[in-house]
Amino acid sequence: MSYWPPPQETDRMIEEARGGDREAVDRLLDGHRQGLRRLVELRLDQQVQRRVDVSDVVQDVMVEASTRLDVYLQKPQMAFPLWLRQIAWDHIIDAYRRHRGSAKRSLDREQPLVSGGNVDQSSLELVAQLTDPMPTPMAVATHREMAQQLEAAIKQLGDADREIILMRHYEHLSNQEIADSLGLNPPAASMRYLRAIRRLKSILDGSAESAADD
């Protein structure tokens, strides 16, 4: 599933908002709230989330986006979701500065990708893509165990590899959107993604071999 509205729907709301429809502005912002929340959940350090509510960060981003929207509508420089992501990153970094003493990105290795203690559905979906079908009664349970291993493996990746996998499989951005966000052309973004997937699978294969040796 995508957490962001379809591009054509976003374009329609933007045109309506540009035409002076204030309700369209509300629809535009509210329609992107879920995707924005997903971004903040994934990128905001778990220890920071113990002191800062994700909803508060999302609301702060929405307030800033609302105040800057007229300027964006006059001359958009990028797709609307990517513009929101830039604003969100500023607020996430600010949260680090205030609550961790540094803007340096830091994932706590023992923490899940998304708070709540449950295996993320996106992890299950990615596991299904990286493994052979297992049509047995134990398949679901096995996939859940592998999803936990997958989330641990993602945290072992380098920053660039981890980022592109989170964008593709957890934020569900398209290759074009990822390319725009990273300042790459689509073929380069695609190659970076493929290299990240290969490295991730290598880590997972190593974990499986270690478990078998035990």
Protein backbone atom coordinates (compact mmCIF):
# COMPACT_ATOMS: atom_id res chain seq x y z
CA MET A 1 0.00 0.00 0.00
CA SER A 2 1.10 3.59 -0.59
CA TYR A 3 0.95 6.07 2.27
CA TRP A 4 0.79 9.01 -0.15
CA PRO A 5 -2.14 9.95 -2.42
CA PRO A 6 -1.82 9.06 -6.13
CA PRO A 7 0.14 11.76 -8.01
CA GLN A 8 -2.83 12.63 -10.22
CA GLU A 9 -5.00 13.19 -7.14
CA THR A 10 -2.33 15.41 -5.60
CA ASP A 11 -2.03 17.39 -8.84
CA ARG A 12 -5.79 17.92 -8.89
CA MET A 13 -5.85 19.18 -5.29
CA ILE A 14 -2.91 21.48 -6.00
CA GLU A 15 -4.70 23.03 -8.97
CA GLU A 16 -7.85 23.51 -6.90
CA ALA A 17 -5.81 25.09 -4.07
CA ARG A 18 -4.00 27.33 -6.56
CA GLY A 19 -7.40 28.48 -7.76
CA GLY A 20 -8.28 29.79 -4.30
CA ASP A 21 -10.28 26.83 -2.95
CA ARG A 22 -9.45 26.86 0.78
CA GLU A 23 -11.15 23.51 1.33
CA ALA A 24 -8.82 22.07 -1.30
CA VAL A 25 -5.90 23.27 0.82
CA ASP A 26 -7.27 21.32 3.77
CA ARG A 27 -7.78 18.24 1.60
CA LEU A 28 -4.27 18.55 0.21
CA LEU A 29 -2.63 18.70 3.63
CA ASP A 30 -4.88 16.09 5.26
CA GLY A 31 -4.41 13.75 2.30
CA HIS A 32 -0.66 13.72 2.92
CA ARG A 33 -0.80 13.39 6.69
CA GLN A 34 -0.56 9.59 6.69
CA GLY A 35 2.53 9.55 4.48
CA LEU A 36 4.10 12.27 6.57
CA ARG A 37 3.41 10.38 9.79
CA ARG A 38 4.99 7.29 8.28
CA LEU A 39 8.11 9.28 7.45
CA VAL A 40 8.41 10.68 10.99
CA GLU A 41 7.82 7.26 12.60
CA LEU A 42 10.61 5.72 10.54
CA ARG A 43 13.16 8.50 10.90
CA LEU A 44 12.62 9.87 14.42
CA ASP A 45 14.92 8.09 16.86
CA GLN A 46 13.06 5.73 19.21
CA GLN A 47 14.61 7.34 22.28
CA VAL A 48 13.49 10.75 21.07
CA GLN A 49 9.99 9.35 20.52
CA ARG A 50 9.83 8.61 24.24
CA ARG A 51 9.92 12.36 24.83
CA VAL A 52 8.41 13.74 21.62
CA ASP A 53 5.08 12.51 20.28
CA VAL A 54 5.11 11.70 16.57
CA SER A 55 1.74 13.41 16.18
CA ASP A 56 3.18 16.64 17.57
CA VAL A 57 6.02 16.59 15.03
CA VAL A 58 3.57 15.89 12.21
CA GLN A 59 1.36 18.75 13.35
CA ASP A 60 4.32 21.13 13.48
CA VAL A 61 5.24 20.15 9.92
CA MET A 62 1.66 20.69 8.79
CA VAL A 63 1.56 24.14 10.39
CA GLU A 64 4.78 25.19 8.65
CA ALA A 65 3.63 23.71 5.34
CA SER A 66 0.37 25.62 5.63
CA THR A 67 2.16 28.93 6.17
CA ARG A 68 4.54 28.32 3.25
CA LEU A 69 2.00 26.77 0.89
CA ASP A 70 1.15 29.93 -1.05
CA VAL A 71 4.81 30.36 -2.02
CA TYR A 72 5.02 26.71 -3.05
CA LEU A 73 1.88 26.96 -5.17
CA GLN A 74 3.24 29.98 -7.03
CA LYS A 75 6.43 28.22 -8.07
CA PRO A 76 6.71 24.53 -7.11
CA GLN A 77 10.30 23.31 -7.40
CA MET A 78 9.54 19.66 -6.67
CA ALA A 79 6.68 17.22 -6.16
CA PHE A 80 4.48 18.11 -3.20
CA PRO A 81 5.28 15.00 -1.09
CA LEU A 82 9.01 15.66 -1.51
CA TRP A 83 8.50 19.26 -0.45
CA LEU A 84 6.74 18.04 2.69
CA ARG A 85 9.57 15.57 3.32
CA GLN A 86 12.10 18.40 3.30
CA ILE A 87 10.12 20.33 5.90
CA ALA A 88 9.75 17.16 7.97
CA TRP A 89 13.50 16.51 7.91
CA ASP A 90 14.12 19.97 9.36
CA HIS A 91 11.77 19.22 12.25
CA ILE A 92 13.26 15.77 12.82
CA ILE A 93 16.78 17.22 12.95
CA ASP A 94 15.55 19.92 15.31
CA ALA A 95 14.14 17.21 17.60
CA TYR A 96 17.57 15.54 17.65
CA ARG A 97 19.26 18.79 18.54
CA ARG A 98 16.87 19.42 21.40
CA HIS A 99 16.59 15.91 22.79
CA ARG A 100 19.77 14.05 21.85
CA GLY A 101 22.23 16.93 21.82
CA SER A 102 23.16 16.30 18.20
CA ALA A 103 21.59 16.33 14.74
CA LYS A 104 23.52 13.20 13.80
CA ARG A 105 21.18 10.45 12.59
CA SER A 106 21.28 7.50 14.97
CA LEU A 107 19.22 4.32 14.83
CA ASP A 108 19.12 2.40 18.10
CA ARG A 109 20.09 -1.13 17.13
CA GLU A 110 17.83 -2.80 19.67
CA GLN A 111 14.74 -0.84 18.65
CA PRO A 112 12.18 -1.87 15.98
CA LEU A 113 11.87 0.16 12.79
CA VAL A 114 8.45 1.34 13.87
CA SER A 115 7.40 1.70 17.49
CA GLY A 116 4.73 -0.54 18.94
CA GLY A 117 6.51 -3.86 19.35
CA ASN A 118 4.85 -5.57 16.40
CA VAL A 119 6.50 -6.71 13.20
CA ASP A 120 5.84 -4.11 10.55
CA GLN A 121 3.65 -5.19 7.62
CA SER A 122 6.20 -3.71 5.22
CA SER A 123 8.82 -6.03 6.69
CA LEU A 124 6.59 -9.03 6.02
CA GLU A 125 6.05 -7.90 2.44
CA LEU A 126 9.77 -7.42 1.85
CA VAL A 127 10.54 -10.84 3.34
CA ALA A 128 8.06 -12.38 0.91
CA GLN A 129 9.92 -10.77 -1.99
CA LEU A 130 13.35 -11.89 -0.79
CA THR A 131 12.48 -15.49 0.01
CA ASP A 132 11.08 -18.46 -1.85
CA PRO A 133 7.38 -19.22 -1.38
CA MET A 134 6.77 -21.53 1.56
CA PRO A 135 3.31 -23.10 1.18
CA THR A 136 3.32 -24.80 4.58
CA PRO A 137 1.26 -24.28 7.74
CA MET A 138 4.37 -22.76 9.33
CA ALA A 139 4.86 -20.19 6.57
CA VAL A 140 3.23 -17.26 8.37
CA ALA A 141 5.09 -17.83 11.62
CA THR A 142 8.35 -18.34 9.74
CA HIS A 143 7.85 -15.14 7.79
CA ARG A 144 7.25 -13.22 11.00
CA GLU A 145 10.51 -14.54 12.47
CA MET A 146 12.31 -13.64 9.26
CA ALA A 147 10.73 -10.18 9.31
CA GLN A 148 12.30 -9.56 12.71
CA GLN A 149 15.66 -10.68 11.32
CA LEU A 150 15.09 -8.43 8.31
CA GLU A 151 14.54 -5.35 10.45
CA ALA A 152 17.74 -6.11 12.37
CA ALA A 153 19.59 -6.60 9.07
CA ILE A 154 18.36 -3.27 7.69
CA LYS A 155 19.94 -1.54 10.68
CA GLN A 156 23.29 -3.11 9.80
CA LEU A 157 23.29 -1.49 6.36
CA GLY A 158 25.16 1.70 5.57
CA ASP A 159 23.18 4.92 5.69
CA ALA A 160 22.68 5.17 1.90
CA ASP A 161 21.50 1.56 1.56
CA ARG A 162 19.23 1.76 4.59
CA GLU A 163 17.70 5.03 3.42
CA ILE A 164 16.74 3.82 -0.04
CA ILE A 165 15.18 0.62 1.32
CA LEU A 166 13.14 2.57 3.85
CA MET A 167 11.98 4.95 1.13
CA ARG A 168 11.03 2.15 -1.27
CA HIS A 169 9.53 -0.47 1.04
CA TYR A 170 8.40 1.43 4.13
CA GLU A 171 7.35 4.79 2.70
CA HIS A 172 6.38 3.15 -0.61
CA LEU A 173 7.85 5.91 -2.77
CA SER A 174 8.24 5.29 -6.49
CA ASN A 175 11.65 5.09 -8.12
CA GLN A 176 11.08 8.51 -9.68
CA GLU A 177 10.17 10.02 -6.30
CA ILE A 178 13.25 8.45 -4.71
CA ALA A 179 15.43 9.77 -7.52
CA ASP A 180 14.01 13.28 -7.10
CA SER A 181 14.49 13.16 -3.33
CA LEU A 182 18.10 11.96 -3.58
CA GLY A 183 19.07 14.19 -6.48
CA LEU A 184 19.69 11.25 -8.79
CA ASN A 185 18.41 10.27 -12.21
CA PRO A 186 16.00 7.29 -12.18
CA PRO A 187 18.50 4.72 -13.54
CA ALA A 188 21.04 5.69 -10.86
CA ALA A 189 18.38 5.45 -8.15
CA SER A 190 17.38 2.03 -9.47
CA MET A 191 20.98 0.79 -9.38
CA ARG A 192 21.48 2.11 -5.86
CA TYR A 193 18.34 0.28 -4.77
CA LEU A 194 19.45 -2.99 -6.40
CA ARG A 195 22.85 -2.79 -4.70
CA ALA A 196 21.16 -2.14 -1.36
CA ILE A 197 18.88 -5.16 -1.82
CA ARG A 198 21.87 -7.37 -2.67
CA ARG A 199 23.69 -6.23 0.47
CA LEU A 200 20.58 -6.77 2.57
CA LYS A 201 20.11 -10.29 1.22
CA SER A 202 23.77 -11.04 1.90
CA ILE A 203 23.32 -10.02 5.54
CA LEU A 204 20.18 -12.14 5.80
CA ASP A 205 21.90 -15.14 4.22
CA GLY A 206 24.75 -14.76 6.71
CA SER A 207 22.30 -14.65 9.60
CA ALA A 208 20.57 -17.79 8.34
CA GLU A 209 23.89 -19.62 8.08
CA SER A 210 24.84 -18.60 11.61
CA ALA A 211 21.49 -19.83 12.94
CA ALA A 212 21.98 -23.15 11.14
CA ASP A 213 25.45 -23.55 12.64
CA ASP A 214 24.03 -23.01 16.11
